[in-house]
Amino acid sequence: MNENTLVVVWTSGDPEVAKKMVFMYTYNAKKYGWWENVIFIVWGPSAQLMTHDEELQRELQKFYDIGITVKACKACADMYDASDKLEILGMEVEYMGIPLTNYVKKGYKVLTF
């Protein structure tokens, strides 16, 4: 499973990067079967952007619809007072340091933006 799982770590607070690259690639990677499993992690400034950008919130729903796992780093989300909002948006909000470390150690493919 590890060799066919992509972990996308989205940290950028730039909406243009999100809309014209990160969300587009992540969605298509799952939709077209480029990767069997896709895990999308919202981390850092992206947590704040996600709570304010309605277009990105609509795009996020498409992730859920095709089976992308969506998580958010609780430590970072708490810094932006965003944990509750991200949970309302359907994300698994948890501390991500250990899970990300495990993904890397287990050989998952990791992209960061």
Protein backbone atom coordinates (compact mmCIF):
# COMPACT_ATOMS: atom_id res chain seq x y z
CA MET A 1 0.00 0.00 0.00
CA ASN A 2 2.81 2.44 0.84
CA GLU A 3 4.13 2.62 -2.69
CA ASN A 4 0.71 3.56 -4.01
CA THR A 5 -0.17 6.13 -1.36
CA LEU A 6 0.44 9.84 -1.78
CA VAL A 7 0.54 12.19 1.19
CA VAL A 8 0.07 15.85 0.26
CA VAL A 9 1.16 18.28 2.96
CA TRP A 10 -0.36 21.68 2.24
CA THR A 11 1.22 24.49 4.25
CA SER A 12 0.93 27.54 2.01
CA GLY A 13 -1.49 30.31 2.89
CA ASP A 14 -1.48 31.51 -0.72
CA PRO A 15 -4.93 30.98 -2.29
CA GLU A 16 -3.57 31.06 -5.83
CA VAL A 17 -1.14 28.23 -5.10
CA ALA A 18 -3.99 26.27 -3.52
CA LYS A 19 -6.45 26.75 -6.37
CA LYS A 20 -4.10 26.51 -9.33
CA MET A 21 -1.87 23.69 -8.16
CA VAL A 22 -2.41 21.95 -4.82
CA PHE A 23 -6.13 21.22 -5.00
CA MET A 24 -6.06 20.55 -8.72
CA TYR A 25 -3.25 17.98 -8.52
CA THR A 26 -4.55 16.31 -5.36
CA TYR A 27 -8.04 15.85 -6.78
CA ASN A 28 -6.86 14.59 -10.16
CA ALA A 29 -4.33 12.23 -8.58
CA LYS A 30 -7.19 10.32 -6.98
CA LYS A 31 -9.81 10.85 -9.69
CA TYR A 32 -7.63 9.47 -12.47
CA GLY A 33 -6.02 6.74 -10.36
CA TRP A 34 -2.51 8.13 -10.46
CA TRP A 35 -2.42 7.11 -6.80
CA GLU A 36 -4.65 4.49 -5.21
CA ASN A 37 -4.72 6.30 -1.86
CA VAL A 38 -4.39 10.02 -1.24
CA ILE A 39 -4.02 11.65 2.16
CA PHE A 40 -4.31 15.43 2.27
CA ILE A 41 -2.91 17.25 5.31
CA VAL A 42 -3.71 20.87 6.10
CA TRP A 43 -0.82 22.29 8.11
CA GLY A 44 0.18 25.78 9.19
CA PRO A 45 -1.11 28.88 7.34
CA SER A 46 -3.28 26.73 5.07
CA ALA A 47 -5.51 26.01 8.09
CA GLN A 48 -6.36 29.67 8.42
CA LEU A 49 -6.95 30.05 4.67
CA MET A 50 -9.25 27.02 4.65
CA THR A 51 -11.51 28.56 7.28
CA HIS A 52 -12.06 31.73 5.24
CA ASP A 53 -12.06 30.69 1.59
CA GLU A 54 -15.46 29.40 0.51
CA GLU A 55 -14.22 28.33 -2.92
CA LEU A 56 -11.62 26.07 -1.31
CA GLN A 57 -14.27 24.72 1.04
CA ARG A 58 -16.37 23.71 -1.98
CA GLU A 59 -13.33 22.08 -3.58
CA LEU A 60 -12.67 20.20 -0.34
CA GLN A 61 -16.08 18.56 -0.60
CA LYS A 62 -14.97 17.05 -3.92
CA PHE A 63 -12.04 15.44 -2.07
CA TYR A 64 -14.45 13.71 0.30
CA ASP A 65 -16.69 12.66 -2.57
CA ILE A 66 -13.92 10.67 -4.28
CA GLY A 67 -12.37 9.19 -1.14
CA ILE A 68 -9.41 11.42 -0.33
CA THR A 69 -8.55 11.30 3.38
CA VAL A 70 -8.34 14.83 4.78
CA LYS A 71 -6.54 15.67 8.01
CA ALA A 72 -5.37 18.85 9.72
CA CYS A 73 -2.58 19.44 12.19
CA LYS A 74 -4.20 20.25 15.53
CA ALA A 75 -1.22 22.20 16.91
CA CYS A 76 -1.22 24.52 13.91
CA ALA A 77 -4.99 24.78 13.68
CA ASP A 78 -5.15 25.74 17.35
CA MET A 79 -2.64 28.55 16.72
CA TYR A 80 -5.10 30.01 14.19
CA ASP A 81 -8.15 29.21 16.34
CA ALA A 82 -9.32 27.04 13.45
CA SER A 83 -9.69 23.51 14.87
CA ASP A 84 -13.45 23.66 15.40
CA LYS A 85 -14.09 25.12 11.95
CA LEU A 86 -11.89 22.51 10.27
CA GLU A 87 -13.75 19.74 12.09
CA ILE A 88 -17.05 21.24 10.89
CA LEU A 89 -15.60 21.07 7.37
CA GLY A 90 -15.15 17.32 7.92
CA MET A 91 -11.42 17.12 8.59
CA GLU A 92 -9.77 14.78 11.07
CA VAL A 93 -7.97 17.31 13.30
CA GLU A 94 -5.10 15.66 15.16
CA TYR A 95 -1.49 16.24 16.07
CA MET A 96 0.38 15.34 12.88
CA GLY A 97 4.07 15.24 13.86
CA ILE A 98 4.15 11.52 14.61
CA PRO A 99 1.81 10.47 11.77
CA LEU A 100 3.86 12.41 9.20
CA THR A 101 7.07 10.92 10.57
CA ASN A 102 5.55 7.45 10.25
CA TYR A 103 4.43 8.10 6.67
CA VAL A 104 7.99 9.04 5.75
CA LYS A 105 9.56 6.10 7.61
CA LYS A 106 7.14 3.65 6.01
CA GLY A 107 7.99 4.84 2.51
CA TYR A 108 4.85 6.75 1.59
CA LYS A 109 5.36 9.32 -1.16
CA VAL A 110 5.11 12.82 0.35
CA LEU A 111 4.62 16.10 -1.50
CA THR A 112 4.69 19.43 0.29
CA PHE A 113 3.28 22.73 -0.89
